[in-house]
Amino acid sequence: MPDEWFRPDDEEPGPDEPCPAESVEDTPDSEDPPSRHGGSEESPISSTTSGSIRVLTDETGPSVVVGHALATGASASAHRRHFPIWILVVAAALVVGLVLGTFITQSRDSTGAARVPPRALAPAPTSTADMPYQGRVKAISGVRATASCVSDPAVDSQHELVRYDAKFVVDDKPQTAWRCNGSGEGQQITFTLTHPARIVGVGMINGYAKVFGNVDLYPQYRRVRTVRWTMPDGTWFNQDFTDDDQDFQKIMIPPHTVSGDITLTIIATTQPGLVGEPTRDSVLISSVQLYEAS
């Protein structure tokens, strides 16, 4: 898993190459089997986290679960100016406290008074507002999706046209998918909610979770390894994915009220599963879910 922050490339991506036909050898002429991902958006979903959130650190500090976008311009300069001053103030307060404590202790000892051991400080309570949600969840319905890159339609071995529009990541059908030629790194999918919602987690199938006949297409293409989720107010978090896991990989976050668009940016993907076959040099995402409390 990458250890560095994603930083957008200064170069503009070139135009997408046309997507060759989607072909699968030795495939019987039969319809696709039923989806292996059961359940509907109305059914409660376990909030068990299966993906992972990384703690990232930069000049603006760490991002813990939900962080903030990097400060730029004057705000970043001001942050860098004030940060050492706060350190000096805190350090000075600690030194003064230590000197006064030592002086008071020595003064009491000189009078022969019994020494009273200091009472241990209790740890500061953790705010529940900062804790990831742990209850039952359900997928938010009616979400719309658009993407910065979409591969051209392809024809499968049964001569049927296969499309890869962004809407297929929110259709609750893992056998359909969004697709972008190449690595897809830096490409974005924007999710629009029909009404304000309190987001408690996200889930994603990070590849092409389609079995065509007796052929599993998931390992043949690129799979997503890391994405960044950015909320309308600029807060964000990175999600890492386990390769070779075709189920929804979910992470829970502290409840976050959202009114506007949520953006998914692809940071890293795997190499194509079939090296040397240009038709497989594409990244696909089968499904995305945004969760609210059930």
C-alpha atoms as a PDB file:
ATOM      1  CA  MET A   1       0.000   0.000   0.000  1.00  0.00           C
ATOM      2  CA  PRO A   2       1.374   3.413  -0.856  1.00  0.00           C
ATOM      3  CA  ASP A   3       2.772   5.396   2.049  1.00  0.00           C
ATOM      4  CA  GLU A   4       2.734   8.837   0.425  1.00  0.00           C
ATOM      5  CA  TRP A   5      -0.072  11.344   0.001  1.00  0.00           C
ATOM      6  CA  PHE A   6      -1.620  11.616  -3.409  1.00  0.00           C
ATOM      7  CA  ARG A   7      -0.468  14.728  -5.135  1.00  0.00           C
ATOM      8  CA  PRO A   8      -2.068  15.590  -8.501  1.00  0.00           C
ATOM      9  CA  ASP A   9       0.256  15.414 -11.485  1.00  0.00           C
ATOM     10  CA  ASP A  10       0.942  18.727 -13.146  1.00  0.00           C
ATOM     11  CA  GLU A  11       0.644  17.167 -16.576  1.00  0.00           C
ATOM     12  CA  GLU A  12      -2.776  16.930 -18.184  1.00  0.00           C
ATOM     13  CA  PRO A  13      -3.880  13.349 -18.965  1.00  0.00           C
ATOM     14  CA  GLY A  14      -4.044  12.454 -22.618  1.00  0.00           C
ATOM     15  CA  PRO A  15      -7.287  11.489 -24.333  1.00  0.00           C
ATOM     16  CA  ASP A  16      -8.621   8.034 -23.598  1.00  0.00           C
ATOM     17  CA  GLU A  17      -7.905   5.371 -26.175  1.00  0.00           C
ATOM     18  CA  PRO A  18     -10.905   3.593 -27.661  1.00  0.00           C
ATOM     19  CA  CYS A  19     -11.822   0.526 -25.677  1.00  0.00           C
ATOM     20  CA  PRO A  20     -11.350  -2.686 -27.668  1.00  0.00           C
ATOM     21  CA  ALA A  21     -13.950  -5.415 -27.623  1.00  0.00           C
ATOM     22  CA  GLU A  22     -14.412  -7.205 -24.335  1.00  0.00           C
ATOM     23  CA  SER A  23     -13.631 -10.792 -25.236  1.00  0.00           C
ATOM     24  CA  VAL A  24     -13.520 -13.919 -23.113  1.00  0.00           C
ATOM     25  CA  GLU A  25     -12.321 -17.242 -24.442  1.00  0.00           C
ATOM     26  CA  ASP A  26     -14.015 -20.607 -23.840  1.00  0.00           C
ATOM     27  CA  THR A  27     -17.220 -19.014 -22.577  1.00  0.00           C
ATOM     28  CA  PRO A  28     -20.460 -20.970 -23.026  1.00  0.00           C
ATOM     29  CA  ASP A  29     -23.410 -19.177 -24.584  1.00  0.00           C
ATOM     30  CA  SER A  30     -25.357 -18.663 -21.400  1.00  0.00           C
ATOM     31  CA  GLU A  31     -26.614 -15.732 -19.428  1.00  0.00           C
ATOM     32  CA  ASP A  32     -24.636 -14.258 -16.583  1.00  0.00           C
ATOM     33  CA  PRO A  33     -25.175 -16.074 -13.281  1.00  0.00           C
ATOM     34  CA  PRO A  34     -27.023 -14.264 -10.485  1.00  0.00           C
ATOM     35  CA  SER A  35     -24.992 -11.741  -8.525  1.00  0.00           C
ATOM     36  CA  ARG A  36     -22.977 -13.215  -5.660  1.00  0.00           C
ATOM     37  CA  HIS A  37     -23.503 -10.038  -3.679  1.00  0.00           C
ATOM     38  CA  GLY A  38     -26.945 -10.497  -2.151  1.00  0.00           C
ATOM     39  CA  GLY A  39     -29.045  -8.040  -0.246  1.00  0.00           C
ATOM     40  CA  SER A  40     -30.821  -4.829  -1.120  1.00  0.00           C
ATOM     41  CA  GLU A  41     -30.382  -1.222  -0.129  1.00  0.00           C
ATOM     42  CA  GLU A  42     -33.326  -1.502   2.277  1.00  0.00           C
ATOM     43  CA  SER A  43     -31.757  -4.338   4.286  1.00  0.00           C
ATOM     44  CA  PRO A  44     -29.587  -3.393   7.272  1.00  0.00           C
ATOM     45  CA  ILE A  45     -25.891  -3.878   6.563  1.00  0.00           C
ATOM     46  CA  SER A  46     -23.204  -4.768   9.039  1.00  0.00           C
ATOM     47  CA  SER A  47     -20.994  -1.815   9.925  1.00  0.00           C
ATOM     48  CA  THR A  48     -17.930  -4.029  10.310  1.00  0.00           C
ATOM     49  CA  THR A  49     -14.995  -2.238   8.735  1.00  0.00           C
ATOM     50  CA  SER A  50     -13.196  -4.328   6.130  1.00  0.00           C
ATOM     51  CA  GLY A  51     -11.156  -1.633   4.403  1.00  0.00           C
ATOM     52  CA  SER A  52      -8.657   0.605   6.177  1.00  0.00           C
ATOM     53  CA  ILE A  53      -8.081   4.304   6.809  1.00  0.00           C
ATOM     54  CA  ARG A  54      -4.501   5.505   6.992  1.00  0.00           C
ATOM     55  CA  VAL A  55      -3.298   8.330   9.234  1.00  0.00           C
ATOM     56  CA  LEU A  56      -1.448  10.787   7.043  1.00  0.00           C
ATOM     57  CA  THR A  57       0.847  13.613   8.139  1.00  0.00           C
ATOM     58  CA  ASP A  58       1.982  16.713   6.282  1.00  0.00           C
ATOM     59  CA  GLU A  59       2.928  20.291   7.163  1.00  0.00           C
ATOM     60  CA  THR A  60      -0.684  20.916   8.186  1.00  0.00           C
ATOM     61  CA  GLY A  61      -0.646  18.035  10.679  1.00  0.00           C
ATOM     62  CA  PRO A  62      -2.151  14.537  10.727  1.00  0.00           C
ATOM     63  CA  SER A  63      -5.448  13.480   9.269  1.00  0.00           C
ATOM     64  CA  VAL A  64      -7.215  11.237  11.779  1.00  0.00           C
ATOM     65  CA  VAL A  65     -10.150   9.394  10.173  1.00  0.00           C
ATOM     66  CA  VAL A  66     -11.517  12.564   8.591  1.00  0.00           C
ATOM     67  CA  GLY A  67      -8.973  15.235   7.768  1.00  0.00           C
ATOM     68  CA  HIS A  68      -8.904  18.543   5.950  1.00  0.00           C
ATOM     69  CA  ALA A  69      -7.586  19.541   2.572  1.00  0.00           C
ATOM     70  CA  LEU A  70      -4.142  21.124   2.492  1.00  0.00           C
ATOM     71  CA  ALA A  71      -4.069  24.854   3.263  1.00  0.00           C
ATOM     72  CA  THR A  72      -2.761  26.954   0.398  1.00  0.00           C
ATOM     73  CA  GLY A  73      -1.408  30.453  -0.082  1.00  0.00           C
ATOM     74  CA  ALA A  74      -1.593  32.848   2.837  1.00  0.00           C
ATOM     75  CA  SER A  75      -3.353  30.398   5.140  1.00  0.00           C
ATOM     76  CA  ALA A  76      -0.571  27.843   4.740  1.00  0.00           C
ATOM     77  CA  SER A  77       2.096  30.480   5.390  1.00  0.00           C
ATOM     78  CA  ALA A  78       0.279  31.671   8.490  1.00  0.00           C
ATOM     79  CA  HIS A  79      -0.001  28.097   9.742  1.00  0.00           C
ATOM     80  CA  ARG A  80       3.740  27.579   9.350  1.00  0.00           C
ATOM     81  CA  ARG A  81       4.475  30.884  11.161  1.00  0.00           C
ATOM     82  CA  HIS A  82       2.274  30.196  14.176  1.00  0.00           C
ATOM     83  CA  PHE A  83       3.084  26.534  14.687  1.00  0.00           C
ATOM     84  CA  PRO A  84       6.567  27.078  16.324  1.00  0.00           C
ATOM     85  CA  ILE A  85       5.115  29.809  18.612  1.00  0.00           C
ATOM     86  CA  TRP A  86       2.570  27.405  20.082  1.00  0.00           C
ATOM     87  CA  ILE A  87       5.343  24.891  20.720  1.00  0.00           C
ATOM     88  CA  LEU A  88       7.379  27.524  22.547  1.00  0.00           C
ATOM     89  CA  VAL A  89       4.368  28.599  24.653  1.00  0.00           C
ATOM     90  CA  VAL A  90       3.578  25.027  25.675  1.00  0.00           C
ATOM     91  CA  ALA A  91       7.224  24.245  26.426  1.00  0.00           C
ATOM     92  CA  ALA A  92       7.581  27.407  28.523  1.00  0.00           C
ATOM     93  CA  ALA A  93       4.443  26.555  30.516  1.00  0.00           C
ATOM     94  CA  LEU A  94       5.778  23.074  31.242  1.00  0.00           C
ATOM     95  CA  VAL A  95       9.136  24.442  32.432  1.00  0.00           C
ATOM     96  CA  VAL A  96       7.475  27.044  34.698  1.00  0.00           C
ATOM     97  CA  GLY A  97       5.151  24.392  36.150  1.00  0.00           C
ATOM     98  CA  LEU A  98       8.083  22.063  36.840  1.00  0.00           C
ATOM     99  CA  VAL A  99      10.097  24.798  38.595  1.00  0.00           C
ATOM    100  CA  LEU A 100       7.146  25.900  40.745  1.00  0.00           C
ATOM    101  CA  GLY A 101       6.296  22.305  41.657  1.00  0.00           C
ATOM    102  CA  THR A 102       9.851  21.596  42.731  1.00  0.00           C
ATOM    103  CA  PHE A 103      10.003  24.824  44.776  1.00  0.00           C
ATOM    104  CA  ILE A 104       6.716  24.099  46.585  1.00  0.00           C
ATOM    105  CA  THR A 105       7.701  20.497  47.354  1.00  0.00           C
ATOM    106  CA  GLN A 106      11.072  21.544  48.763  1.00  0.00           C
ATOM    107  CA  SER A 107       9.439  24.284  50.878  1.00  0.00           C
ATOM    108  CA  ARG A 108       7.032  21.829  52.459  1.00  0.00           C
ATOM    109  CA  ASP A 109       9.773  19.317  53.151  1.00  0.00           C
ATOM    110  CA  SER A 110      11.834  21.958  54.958  1.00  0.00           C
ATOM    111  CA  THR A 111       9.003  22.547  57.459  1.00  0.00           C
ATOM    112  CA  GLY A 112       8.789  18.896  58.340  1.00  0.00           C
ATOM    113  CA  ALA A 113       5.234  18.503  56.950  1.00  0.00           C
ATOM    114  CA  ALA A 114       4.247  15.096  55.687  1.00  0.00           C
ATOM    115  CA  ARG A 115       4.654  14.718  51.941  1.00  0.00           C
ATOM    116  CA  VAL A 116       1.370  13.984  50.167  1.00  0.00           C
ATOM    117  CA  PRO A 117       1.824  12.037  46.932  1.00  0.00           C
ATOM    118  CA  PRO A 118       0.292  13.820  43.926  1.00  0.00           C
ATOM    119  CA  ARG A 119      -2.988  12.368  42.667  1.00  0.00           C
ATOM    120  CA  ALA A 120      -2.739  10.620  39.333  1.00  0.00           C
ATOM    121  CA  LEU A 121      -4.377  12.499  36.502  1.00  0.00           C
ATOM    122  CA  ALA A 122      -7.267  10.695  34.818  1.00  0.00           C
ATOM    123  CA  PRO A 123      -7.017  10.452  31.010  1.00  0.00           C
ATOM    124  CA  ALA A 124      -9.119  12.942  29.112  1.00  0.00           C
ATOM    125  CA  PRO A 125     -12.335  11.365  27.871  1.00  0.00           C
ATOM    126  CA  THR A 126     -12.597  10.720  24.141  1.00  0.00           C
ATOM    127  CA  SER A 127     -15.469  12.474  22.447  1.00  0.00           C
ATOM    128  CA  THR A 128     -17.940  10.033  20.943  1.00  0.00           C
ATOM    129  CA  ALA A 129     -18.402  12.504  18.100  1.00  0.00           C
ATOM    130  CA  ASP A 130     -14.887  11.627  16.907  1.00  0.00           C
ATOM    131  CA  MET A 131     -15.421   7.856  16.983  1.00  0.00           C
ATOM    132  CA  PRO A 132     -16.327   5.822  13.871  1.00  0.00           C
ATOM    133  CA  TYR A 133     -19.979   4.818  13.743  1.00  0.00           C
ATOM    134  CA  GLN A 134     -20.635   1.316  15.103  1.00  0.00           C
ATOM    135  CA  GLY A 135     -24.369   0.703  14.614  1.00  0.00           C
ATOM    136  CA  ARG A 136     -26.390  -0.839  11.809  1.00  0.00           C
ATOM    137  CA  VAL A 137     -26.262   0.900   8.446  1.00  0.00           C
ATOM    138  CA  LYS A 138     -28.080   0.945   5.134  1.00  0.00           C
ATOM    139  CA  ALA A 139     -27.088   2.097   1.672  1.00  0.00           C
ATOM    140  CA  ILE A 140     -28.383   5.513   0.668  1.00  0.00           C
ATOM    141  CA  SER A 141     -30.690   5.221  -2.329  1.00  0.00           C
ATOM    142  CA  GLY A 142     -31.079   7.524  -5.312  1.00  0.00           C
ATOM    143  CA  VAL A 143     -27.380   8.470  -5.549  1.00  0.00           C
ATOM    144  CA  ARG A 144     -26.279   9.679  -8.999  1.00  0.00           C
ATOM    145  CA  ALA A 145     -22.737   9.322 -10.357  1.00  0.00           C
ATOM    146  CA  THR A 146     -20.668  11.038 -13.051  1.00  0.00           C
ATOM    147  CA  ALA A 147     -17.019  10.446 -13.956  1.00  0.00           C
ATOM    148  CA  SER A 148     -14.093  12.318 -15.464  1.00  0.00           C
ATOM    149  CA  CYS A 149     -13.253   9.307 -17.660  1.00  0.00           C
ATOM    150  CA  VAL A 150     -15.456   6.644 -19.265  1.00  0.00           C
ATOM    151  CA  SER A 151     -14.314   3.912 -21.651  1.00  0.00           C
ATOM    152  CA  ASP A 152     -16.125   3.424 -24.939  1.00  0.00           C
ATOM    153  CA  PRO A 153     -18.666   0.592 -25.129  1.00  0.00           C
ATOM    154  CA  ALA A 154     -17.318  -2.862 -26.005  1.00  0.00           C
ATOM    155  CA  VAL A 155     -18.771  -6.024 -27.525  1.00  0.00           C
ATOM    156  CA  ASP A 156     -18.507  -9.243 -25.523  1.00  0.00           C
ATOM    157  CA  SER A 157     -18.084 -12.778 -26.848  1.00  0.00           C
ATOM    158  CA  GLN A 158     -21.856 -13.110 -27.178  1.00  0.00           C
ATOM    159  CA  HIS A 159     -21.886 -10.034 -29.433  1.00  0.00           C
ATOM    160  CA  GLU A 160     -23.716  -7.958 -26.849  1.00  0.00           C
ATOM    161  CA  LEU A 161     -22.831  -4.312 -26.285  1.00  0.00           C
ATOM    162  CA  VAL A 162     -21.383  -3.594 -22.835  1.00  0.00           C
ATOM    163  CA  ARG A 163     -21.390  -0.031 -21.520  1.00  0.00           C
ATOM    164  CA  TYR A 164     -19.259   1.368 -18.696  1.00  0.00           C
ATOM    165  CA  ASP A 165     -20.950   4.608 -17.655  1.00  0.00           C
ATOM    166  CA  ALA A 166     -20.471   5.916 -14.110  1.00  0.00           C
ATOM    167  CA  LYS A 167     -24.136   5.240 -13.308  1.00  0.00           C
ATOM    168  CA  PHE A 168     -23.331   1.521 -13.169  1.00  0.00           C
ATOM    169  CA  VAL A 169     -21.430   1.900  -9.865  1.00  0.00           C
ATOM    170  CA  VAL A 170     -24.650   2.926  -8.101  1.00  0.00           C
ATOM    171  CA  ASP A 171     -27.116   0.512  -9.743  1.00  0.00           C
ATOM    172  CA  ASP A 172     -26.718  -2.218  -7.077  1.00  0.00           C
ATOM    173  CA  LYS A 173     -25.557  -4.682  -9.762  1.00  0.00           C
ATOM    174  CA  PRO A 174     -21.941  -5.755  -9.204  1.00  0.00           C
ATOM    175  CA  GLN A 175     -21.827  -7.456 -12.629  1.00  0.00           C
ATOM    176  CA  THR A 176     -22.019  -3.999 -14.236  1.00  0.00           C
ATOM    177  CA  ALA A 177     -19.180  -1.518 -13.784  1.00  0.00           C
ATOM    178  CA  TRP A 178     -17.625   1.844 -14.515  1.00  0.00           C
ATOM    179  CA  ARG A 179     -14.448   1.564 -16.575  1.00  0.00           C
ATOM    180  CA  CYS A 180     -11.591   3.864 -17.562  1.00  0.00           C
ATOM    181  CA  ASN A 181      -8.726   2.942 -19.878  1.00  0.00           C
ATOM    182  CA  GLY A 182      -5.245   2.916 -18.372  1.00  0.00           C
ATOM    183  CA  SER A 183      -4.382   3.113 -14.677  1.00  0.00           C
ATOM    184  CA  GLY A 184      -7.186   5.555 -13.864  1.00  0.00           C
ATOM    185  CA  GLU A 185      -4.969   7.299 -11.322  1.00  0.00           C
ATOM    186  CA  GLY A 186      -6.160  10.866 -10.789  1.00  0.00           C
ATOM    187  CA  GLN A 187      -9.577  10.185 -12.299  1.00  0.00           C
ATOM    188  CA  GLN A 188     -12.647  11.112 -10.289  1.00  0.00           C
ATOM    189  CA  ILE A 189     -16.191   9.874  -9.767  1.00  0.00           C
ATOM    190  CA  THR A 190     -18.632  12.411  -8.329  1.00  0.00           C
ATOM    191  CA  PHE A 191     -21.610  11.216  -6.290  1.00  0.00           C
ATOM    192  CA  THR A 192     -24.650  13.469  -5.982  1.00  0.00           C
ATOM    193  CA  LEU A 193     -27.201  12.878  -3.223  1.00  0.00           C
ATOM    194  CA  THR A 194     -30.827  13.749  -3.863  1.00  0.00           C
ATOM    195  CA  HIS A 195     -31.172  15.107  -0.319  1.00  0.00           C
ATOM    196  CA  PRO A 196     -28.892  15.965   2.624  1.00  0.00           C
ATOM    197  CA  ALA A 197     -27.754  12.866   4.509  1.00  0.00           C
ATOM    198  CA  ARG A 198     -25.707  11.919   7.540  1.00  0.00           C
ATOM    199  CA  ILE A 199     -22.924   9.748   6.153  1.00  0.00           C
ATOM    200  CA  VAL A 200     -21.503   7.142   8.547  1.00  0.00           C
ATOM    201  CA  GLY A 201     -19.433   5.068   6.115  1.00  0.00           C
ATOM    202  CA  VAL A 202     -18.631   4.087   2.543  1.00  0.00           C
ATOM    203  CA  GLY A 203     -18.148   0.801   0.706  1.00  0.00           C
ATOM    204  CA  MET A 204     -16.756  -0.209  -2.655  1.00  0.00           C
ATOM    205  CA  ILE A 205     -16.058  -3.266  -4.829  1.00  0.00           C
ATOM    206  CA  ASN A 206     -12.625  -2.320  -6.147  1.00  0.00           C
ATOM    207  CA  GLY A 207     -12.667  -4.201  -9.462  1.00  0.00           C
ATOM    208  CA  TYR A 208     -14.829  -5.939 -12.060  1.00  0.00           C
ATOM    209  CA  ALA A 209     -16.848  -8.396  -9.964  1.00  0.00           C
ATOM    210  CA  LYS A 210     -18.344 -10.164 -12.962  1.00  0.00           C
ATOM    211  CA  VAL A 211     -18.308 -13.873 -13.730  1.00  0.00           C
ATOM    212  CA  PHE A 212     -18.967 -14.410 -17.424  1.00  0.00           C
ATOM    213  CA  GLY A 213     -19.909 -18.040 -17.951  1.00  0.00           C
ATOM    214  CA  ASN A 214     -17.170 -19.843 -16.032  1.00  0.00           C
ATOM    215  CA  VAL A 215     -14.607 -17.026 -16.327  1.00  0.00           C
ATOM    216  CA  ASP A 216     -13.906 -14.654 -13.441  1.00  0.00           C
ATOM    217  CA  LEU A 217     -13.150 -11.210 -14.904  1.00  0.00           C
ATOM    218  CA  TYR A 218     -11.996  -9.625 -11.638  1.00  0.00           C
ATOM    219  CA  PRO A 219      -8.306 -10.673 -11.852  1.00  0.00           C
ATOM    220  CA  GLN A 220      -8.008  -9.822 -15.553  1.00  0.00           C
ATOM    221  CA  TYR A 221      -8.148  -6.026 -15.182  1.00  0.00           C
ATOM    222  CA  ARG A 222      -6.674  -3.428 -12.862  1.00  0.00           C
ATOM    223  CA  ARG A 223      -8.082  -3.157  -9.351  1.00  0.00           C
ATOM    224  CA  VAL A 224      -8.188  -0.054  -7.186  1.00  0.00           C
ATOM    225  CA  ARG A 225      -5.747   0.009  -4.255  1.00  0.00           C
ATOM    226  CA  THR A 226      -6.314   3.477  -2.754  1.00  0.00           C
ATOM    227  CA  VAL A 227      -8.884   6.247  -3.153  1.00  0.00           C
ATOM    228  CA  ARG A 228      -9.543   9.579  -1.498  1.00  0.00           C
ATOM    229  CA  TRP A 229     -13.080  10.497  -0.476  1.00  0.00           C
ATOM    230  CA  THR A 230     -13.663  14.263  -0.358  1.00  0.00           C
ATOM    231  CA  MET A 231     -16.768  15.720   1.279  1.00  0.00           C
ATOM    232  CA  PRO A 232     -18.498  18.945   0.142  1.00  0.00           C
ATOM    233  CA  ASP A 233     -16.962  20.912   3.036  1.00  0.00           C
ATOM    234  CA  GLY A 234     -13.421  19.879   2.060  1.00  0.00           C
ATOM    235  CA  THR A 235     -12.916  17.179   4.702  1.00  0.00           C
ATOM    236  CA  TRP A 236     -11.515  13.931   3.349  1.00  0.00           C
ATOM    237  CA  PHE A 237     -10.106  10.520   4.141  1.00  0.00           C
ATOM    238  CA  ASN A 238      -8.137   7.908   2.243  1.00  0.00           C
ATOM    239  CA  GLN A 239      -9.336   4.320   1.922  1.00  0.00           C
ATOM    240  CA  ASP A 240      -7.032   1.381   1.186  1.00  0.00           C
ATOM    241  CA  PHE A 241      -8.327  -1.824  -0.399  1.00  0.00           C
ATOM    242  CA  THR A 242      -7.316  -5.449  -0.116  1.00  0.00           C
ATOM    243  CA  ASP A 243      -6.611  -6.981  -3.511  1.00  0.00           C
ATOM    244  CA  ASP A 244      -8.395 -10.213  -4.450  1.00  0.00           C
ATOM    245  CA  ASP A 245     -11.429  -9.311  -2.335  1.00  0.00           C
ATOM    246  CA  GLN A 246     -14.523  -9.030  -4.512  1.00  0.00           C
ATOM    247  CA  ASP A 247     -16.927  -8.135  -1.709  1.00  0.00           C
ATOM    248  CA  PHE A 248     -17.802  -4.641  -0.541  1.00  0.00           C
ATOM    249  CA  GLN A 249     -14.858  -3.292   1.417  1.00  0.00           C
ATOM    250  CA  LYS A 250     -16.313  -0.859   3.945  1.00  0.00           C
ATOM    251  CA  ILE A 251     -15.006   1.715   6.364  1.00  0.00           C
ATOM    252  CA  MET A 252     -17.002   3.543   9.009  1.00  0.00           C
ATOM    253  CA  ILE A 253     -16.368   7.193   9.893  1.00  0.00           C
ATOM    254  CA  PRO A 254     -17.753   9.573  12.522  1.00  0.00           C
ATOM    255  CA  PRO A 255     -21.261  10.661  11.403  1.00  0.00           C
ATOM    256  CA  HIS A 256     -20.836  13.442   8.883  1.00  0.00           C
ATOM    257  CA  THR A 257     -23.727  15.539   7.570  1.00  0.00           C
ATOM    258  CA  VAL A 258     -23.421  15.964   3.809  1.00  0.00           C
ATOM    259  CA  SER A 259     -25.306  18.326   1.522  1.00  0.00           C
ATOM    260  CA  GLY A 260     -23.716  18.365  -1.907  1.00  0.00           C
ATOM    261  CA  ASP A 261     -21.379  16.226  -3.968  1.00  0.00           C
ATOM    262  CA  ILE A 262     -18.958  13.606  -2.663  1.00  0.00           C
ATOM    263  CA  THR A 263     -15.877  13.031  -4.815  1.00  0.00           C
ATOM    264  CA  LEU A 264     -13.907   9.815  -5.122  1.00  0.00           C
ATOM    265  CA  THR A 265     -10.377  10.275  -6.519  1.00  0.00           C
ATOM    266  CA  ILE A 266      -8.353   7.224  -7.556  1.00  0.00           C
ATOM    267  CA  ILE A 267      -4.859   7.380  -6.085  1.00  0.00           C
ATOM    268  CA  ALA A 268      -3.378   3.967  -6.897  1.00  0.00           C
ATOM    269  CA  THR A 269      -4.315   0.836  -8.850  1.00  0.00           C
ATOM    270  CA  THR A 270      -2.759  -2.552  -9.520  1.00  0.00           C
ATOM    271  CA  GLN A 271      -1.111  -3.618 -12.752  1.00  0.00           C
ATOM    272  CA  PRO A 272      -3.371  -5.298 -15.347  1.00  0.00           C
ATOM    273  CA  GLY A 273      -4.084  -8.926 -14.539  1.00  0.00           C
ATOM    274  CA  LEU A 274      -3.198 -10.109 -18.037  1.00  0.00           C
ATOM    275  CA  VAL A 275       0.097  -8.447 -18.921  1.00  0.00           C
ATOM    276  CA  GLY A 276       0.601  -7.859 -22.632  1.00  0.00           C
ATOM    277  CA  GLU A 277      -3.088  -7.642 -23.490  1.00  0.00           C
ATOM    278  CA  PRO A 278      -3.991  -3.982 -24.140  1.00  0.00           C
ATOM    279  CA  THR A 279      -7.690  -4.744 -23.738  1.00  0.00           C
ATOM    280  CA  ARG A 280      -7.079  -5.499 -20.060  1.00  0.00           C
ATOM    281  CA  ASP A 281      -5.209  -2.269 -19.279  1.00  0.00           C
ATOM    282  CA  SER A 282      -8.246  -0.657 -17.700  1.00  0.00           C
ATOM    283  CA  VAL A 283      -9.489  -0.010 -14.191  1.00  0.00           C
ATOM    284  CA  LEU A 284     -13.055  -0.920 -13.233  1.00  0.00           C
ATOM    285  CA  ILE A 285     -15.237  -0.317 -10.188  1.00  0.00           C
ATOM    286  CA  SER A 286     -18.326  -2.500  -9.934  1.00  0.00           C
ATOM    287  CA  SER A 287     -20.204  -0.886  -7.060  1.00  0.00           C
ATOM    288  CA  VAL A 288     -20.088   1.965  -4.565  1.00  0.00           C
ATOM    289  CA  GLN A 289     -22.322   2.441  -1.534  1.00  0.00           C
ATOM    290  CA  LEU A 290     -22.698   5.409   0.797  1.00  0.00           C
ATOM    291  CA  TYR A 291     -24.027   4.434   4.219  1.00  0.00           C
ATOM    292  CA  GLU A 292     -26.323   6.120   6.720  1.00  0.00           C
ATOM    293  CA  ALA A 293     -27.567   4.861  10.062  1.00  0.00           C
ATOM    294  CA  SER A 294     -30.248   2.198   9.720  1.00  0.00           C
END
